[in-house]
Amino acid sequence: MNWINLNDIDQLASIREASFNKPQLIFKHSTTCSISKMAFSRFERAEAPDAIDFYYLDLLNYRNISAAVAETFQVHHESPQVVLIKNGECIYDESHYGIMMDEVVEQAGV
């Protein structure tokens, strides 16, 4: 999987803009949480479609960006969490054991 590191709050505007051409997914990951590690590992082992851009957000180092994701895309903060953006809006979010690549692909319509 080709992760794009989300480490600058200004990237959120770019993600929103890019979502009009291609679905964008943000994976919010807590590197010290065993559930988050499991969800991330399982997600990474799945086949990732080229039709979606995948962003990795380290929650511990970028809490301000995590808060901005919640505010910008109108989602309740969870950890771990995936946030799928299409046409400028969050169309799907899931957390913990519900994070599944096949569900993301289905929701993205790719």
Foldseek 3Di string as FASTA:
>chain_A
DDEDEDDDLVCLVVQLVCQQVAKEKEWEAAPVDPLRVVLVVQQVVDDDDPRYHYYYYHCVNCVVSQVVCCVQQVHDRDHGKMFIHHNRHTQDMDDGPPRDRVVNCVSRVD
